[in-house]
N, C-alpha and C. Protein backbone atom coordinates (compact mmCIF):
# COMPACT_ATOMS: atom_id res chain seq x y z
N MET A 1 -88.84 54.11 24.32
CA MET A 1 -88.83 53.35 23.09
C MET A 1 -90.00 52.37 23.11
N LEU A 2 -90.74 52.35 22.06
CA LEU A 2 -91.84 51.38 21.92
C LEU A 2 -91.73 50.76 20.55
N GLU A 3 -91.80 49.46 20.54
CA GLU A 3 -91.77 48.70 19.29
C GLU A 3 -92.83 47.61 19.41
N VAL A 4 -93.40 47.23 18.30
CA VAL A 4 -94.36 46.13 18.28
C VAL A 4 -93.74 45.02 17.44
N TYR A 5 -93.71 43.82 18.02
CA TYR A 5 -93.17 42.65 17.33
C TYR A 5 -94.19 41.53 17.45
N LYS A 6 -94.75 41.12 16.32
CA LYS A 6 -95.76 40.05 16.27
C LYS A 6 -96.91 40.31 17.26
N GLY A 7 -97.29 41.57 17.39
CA GLY A 7 -98.40 41.95 18.25
C GLY A 7 -98.01 42.24 19.69
N TRP A 8 -96.78 41.94 20.07
CA TRP A 8 -96.31 42.18 21.44
C TRP A 8 -95.71 43.58 21.53
N ASP A 9 -96.06 44.32 22.58
CA ASP A 9 -95.46 45.63 22.84
C ASP A 9 -94.12 45.44 23.52
N ILE A 10 -93.08 46.06 22.98
CA ILE A 10 -91.74 45.97 23.57
C ILE A 10 -91.34 47.36 24.03
N ARG A 11 -90.89 47.43 25.29
CA ARG A 11 -90.44 48.70 25.86
C ARG A 11 -89.12 48.49 26.57
N HIS A 12 -88.37 49.57 26.65
CA HIS A 12 -87.19 49.55 27.51
C HIS A 12 -87.69 49.56 28.94
N ASN A 13 -87.16 48.68 29.78
CA ASN A 13 -87.63 48.54 31.15
C ASN A 13 -87.29 49.79 31.96
N ALA A 14 -88.32 50.52 32.39
CA ALA A 14 -88.14 51.75 33.16
C ALA A 14 -87.50 51.49 34.51
N ASN A 15 -87.57 50.27 35.02
CA ASN A 15 -87.01 49.92 36.32
C ASN A 15 -85.70 49.16 36.18
N ALA A 16 -84.93 49.46 35.15
CA ALA A 16 -83.70 48.72 34.90
C ALA A 16 -82.70 48.86 36.04
N PHE A 17 -82.77 49.93 36.81
CA PHE A 17 -81.83 50.09 37.92
C PHE A 17 -82.12 49.09 39.05
N ILE A 18 -83.33 48.53 39.08
CA ILE A 18 -83.70 47.54 40.08
C ILE A 18 -83.40 46.13 39.58
N ASP A 19 -83.56 45.91 38.30
CA ASP A 19 -83.51 44.59 37.71
C ASP A 19 -82.46 44.59 36.60
N GLU A 20 -81.73 43.50 36.43
CA GLU A 20 -80.75 43.43 35.36
C GLU A 20 -81.39 43.40 33.98
N GLN A 21 -82.64 42.96 33.90
CA GLN A 21 -83.33 42.92 32.61
C GLN A 21 -83.53 44.36 32.12
N THR A 22 -83.34 44.58 30.84
CA THR A 22 -83.48 45.94 30.33
C THR A 22 -84.60 46.10 29.31
N PHE A 23 -85.18 45.01 28.84
CA PHE A 23 -86.29 45.10 27.90
C PHE A 23 -87.44 44.23 28.41
N VAL A 24 -88.67 44.69 28.16
CA VAL A 24 -89.85 43.91 28.54
C VAL A 24 -90.82 43.88 27.36
N ALA A 25 -91.40 42.71 27.12
CA ALA A 25 -92.42 42.55 26.08
C ALA A 25 -93.71 42.11 26.77
N THR A 26 -94.81 42.71 26.35
CA THR A 26 -96.12 42.39 26.92
C THR A 26 -96.99 41.80 25.82
N SER A 27 -97.64 40.68 26.13
CA SER A 27 -98.47 39.98 25.14
C SER A 27 -99.65 40.84 24.69
N PRO A 28 -100.19 40.53 23.53
CA PRO A 28 -101.31 41.33 22.99
C PRO A 28 -102.57 41.31 23.85
N ASP A 29 -102.71 40.34 24.74
CA ASP A 29 -103.94 40.23 25.54
C ASP A 29 -103.81 40.85 26.94
N TYR A 30 -102.91 41.81 27.11
CA TYR A 30 -102.72 42.42 28.42
C TYR A 30 -103.85 43.39 28.77
N ASP A 31 -103.91 43.76 30.03
CA ASP A 31 -104.86 44.76 30.52
C ASP A 31 -104.05 45.79 31.29
N VAL A 32 -104.63 46.94 31.57
CA VAL A 32 -103.92 47.98 32.31
C VAL A 32 -104.74 48.49 33.48
N ASP A 33 -104.03 48.99 34.46
CA ASP A 33 -104.63 49.66 35.60
C ASP A 33 -104.13 51.09 35.57
N CYS A 34 -105.02 52.01 35.44
CA CYS A 34 -104.64 53.42 35.37
C CYS A 34 -105.41 54.17 36.45
N ASP A 35 -104.67 54.70 37.42
CA ASP A 35 -105.29 55.43 38.51
C ASP A 35 -104.36 56.56 38.96
N GLN A 36 -104.60 57.11 40.13
CA GLN A 36 -103.81 58.23 40.61
C GLN A 36 -102.34 57.84 40.82
N ASP A 37 -102.06 56.54 40.93
CA ASP A 37 -100.68 56.09 41.12
C ASP A 37 -99.94 55.90 39.81
N GLY A 38 -100.65 55.97 38.69
CA GLY A 38 -99.99 55.84 37.40
C GLY A 38 -100.61 54.78 36.53
N PHE A 39 -99.87 54.36 35.54
CA PHE A 39 -100.30 53.43 34.50
C PHE A 39 -99.49 52.15 34.67
N PHE A 40 -100.16 51.02 34.94
CA PHE A 40 -99.48 49.76 35.17
C PHE A 40 -100.11 48.65 34.34
N VAL A 41 -99.27 47.85 33.72
CA VAL A 41 -99.75 46.68 32.99
C VAL A 41 -100.10 45.60 34.00
N CYS A 42 -101.28 45.03 33.86
CA CYS A 42 -101.69 43.92 34.71
C CYS A 42 -102.37 42.90 33.81
N GLY A 43 -102.12 41.66 34.03
CA GLY A 43 -102.67 40.62 33.16
C GLY A 43 -101.80 40.44 31.94
N GLY A 44 -102.08 39.41 31.20
CA GLY A 44 -101.26 39.11 30.03
C GLY A 44 -99.95 38.46 30.43
N ILE A 45 -99.09 38.24 29.47
CA ILE A 45 -97.79 37.62 29.69
C ILE A 45 -96.71 38.68 29.50
N ALA A 46 -95.72 38.68 30.38
CA ALA A 46 -94.57 39.58 30.25
C ALA A 46 -93.30 38.75 30.14
N LEU A 47 -92.47 39.09 29.19
CA LEU A 47 -91.16 38.45 29.01
C LEU A 47 -90.09 39.50 29.16
N TYR A 48 -88.94 39.12 29.73
CA TYR A 48 -87.86 40.06 30.01
C TYR A 48 -86.55 39.56 29.41
N SER A 49 -85.69 40.50 29.01
CA SER A 49 -84.38 40.12 28.49
C SER A 49 -83.43 41.30 28.55
N GLU A 50 -82.15 40.99 28.52
CA GLU A 50 -81.13 42.03 28.49
C GLU A 50 -80.94 42.59 27.09
N THR A 51 -81.32 41.83 26.05
CA THR A 51 -81.14 42.31 24.68
C THR A 51 -82.45 42.21 23.91
N LEU A 52 -82.60 43.09 22.95
CA LEU A 52 -83.80 43.10 22.12
C LEU A 52 -83.88 41.84 21.26
N ASP A 53 -82.76 41.40 20.71
CA ASP A 53 -82.76 40.19 19.87
C ASP A 53 -83.17 38.96 20.67
N ASP A 54 -82.67 38.84 21.90
CA ASP A 54 -83.06 37.70 22.74
C ASP A 54 -84.53 37.77 23.09
N LEU A 55 -85.04 38.97 23.35
CA LEU A 55 -86.46 39.12 23.68
C LEU A 55 -87.34 38.68 22.51
N LYS A 56 -86.95 39.05 21.31
CA LYS A 56 -87.71 38.62 20.13
C LYS A 56 -87.65 37.11 19.97
N ALA A 57 -86.52 36.49 20.29
CA ALA A 57 -86.40 35.04 20.23
C ALA A 57 -87.32 34.40 21.29
N GLN A 58 -87.42 35.01 22.47
CA GLN A 58 -88.32 34.50 23.50
C GLN A 58 -89.78 34.58 23.05
N ILE A 59 -90.14 35.69 22.39
CA ILE A 59 -91.50 35.85 21.87
C ILE A 59 -91.79 34.74 20.86
N ASP A 60 -90.86 34.52 19.94
CA ASP A 60 -91.03 33.45 18.94
C ASP A 60 -91.21 32.10 19.63
N GLY A 61 -90.40 31.84 20.65
CA GLY A 61 -90.51 30.58 21.38
C GLY A 61 -91.83 30.44 22.09
N TYR A 62 -92.31 31.52 22.69
CA TYR A 62 -93.59 31.49 23.38
C TYR A 62 -94.73 31.21 22.39
N ILE A 63 -94.70 31.89 21.26
CA ILE A 63 -95.73 31.69 20.23
C ILE A 63 -95.70 30.25 19.72
N ASP A 64 -94.49 29.73 19.45
CA ASP A 64 -94.36 28.35 18.97
C ASP A 64 -94.90 27.37 20.01
N ALA A 65 -94.56 27.57 21.28
CA ALA A 65 -95.03 26.67 22.34
C ALA A 65 -96.55 26.77 22.49
N SER A 66 -97.10 27.95 22.35
CA SER A 66 -98.55 28.15 22.48
C SER A 66 -99.30 27.46 21.35
N ASP A 67 -98.70 27.46 20.16
CA ASP A 67 -99.32 26.80 19.01
C ASP A 67 -99.38 25.29 19.19
N GLU A 68 -98.49 24.75 20.03
CA GLU A 68 -98.43 23.30 20.24
C GLU A 68 -99.36 22.84 21.36
N LEU A 69 -99.93 23.78 22.13
CA LEU A 69 -100.80 23.41 23.24
C LEU A 69 -102.14 22.90 22.71
N PRO A 70 -102.68 21.85 23.32
CA PRO A 70 -103.99 21.36 22.90
C PRO A 70 -105.08 22.37 23.30
N THR A 71 -106.11 22.44 22.52
CA THR A 71 -107.24 23.32 22.84
C THR A 71 -108.44 22.49 23.23
N ASN A 72 -109.28 23.03 24.07
CA ASN A 72 -110.49 22.35 24.51
C ASN A 72 -111.66 22.92 23.72
N HIS A 73 -112.24 22.09 22.89
CA HIS A 73 -113.37 22.53 22.06
C HIS A 73 -114.70 22.04 22.62
N GLY A 74 -114.75 21.84 23.94
CA GLY A 74 -115.99 21.46 24.57
C GLY A 74 -116.34 19.99 24.44
N SER A 75 -115.37 19.19 24.05
CA SER A 75 -115.68 17.75 23.90
C SER A 75 -115.29 16.97 25.13
């Protein structure tokens, strides 16, 4: 399953048998490593949740918190 919410890729966690979290969202600025061992997300922000609705709420919270961070404009 792949869904995009506010630019974030949401997938069902393929490693759910290892971790109680069942959904993972990756921020739009992620990078990937693709080699003989497979395809792995590296870089960017990852959020995890047991439910899709909670994950979307976490994304909203992350975006809201990021909007409140001061930016450095070289001054």
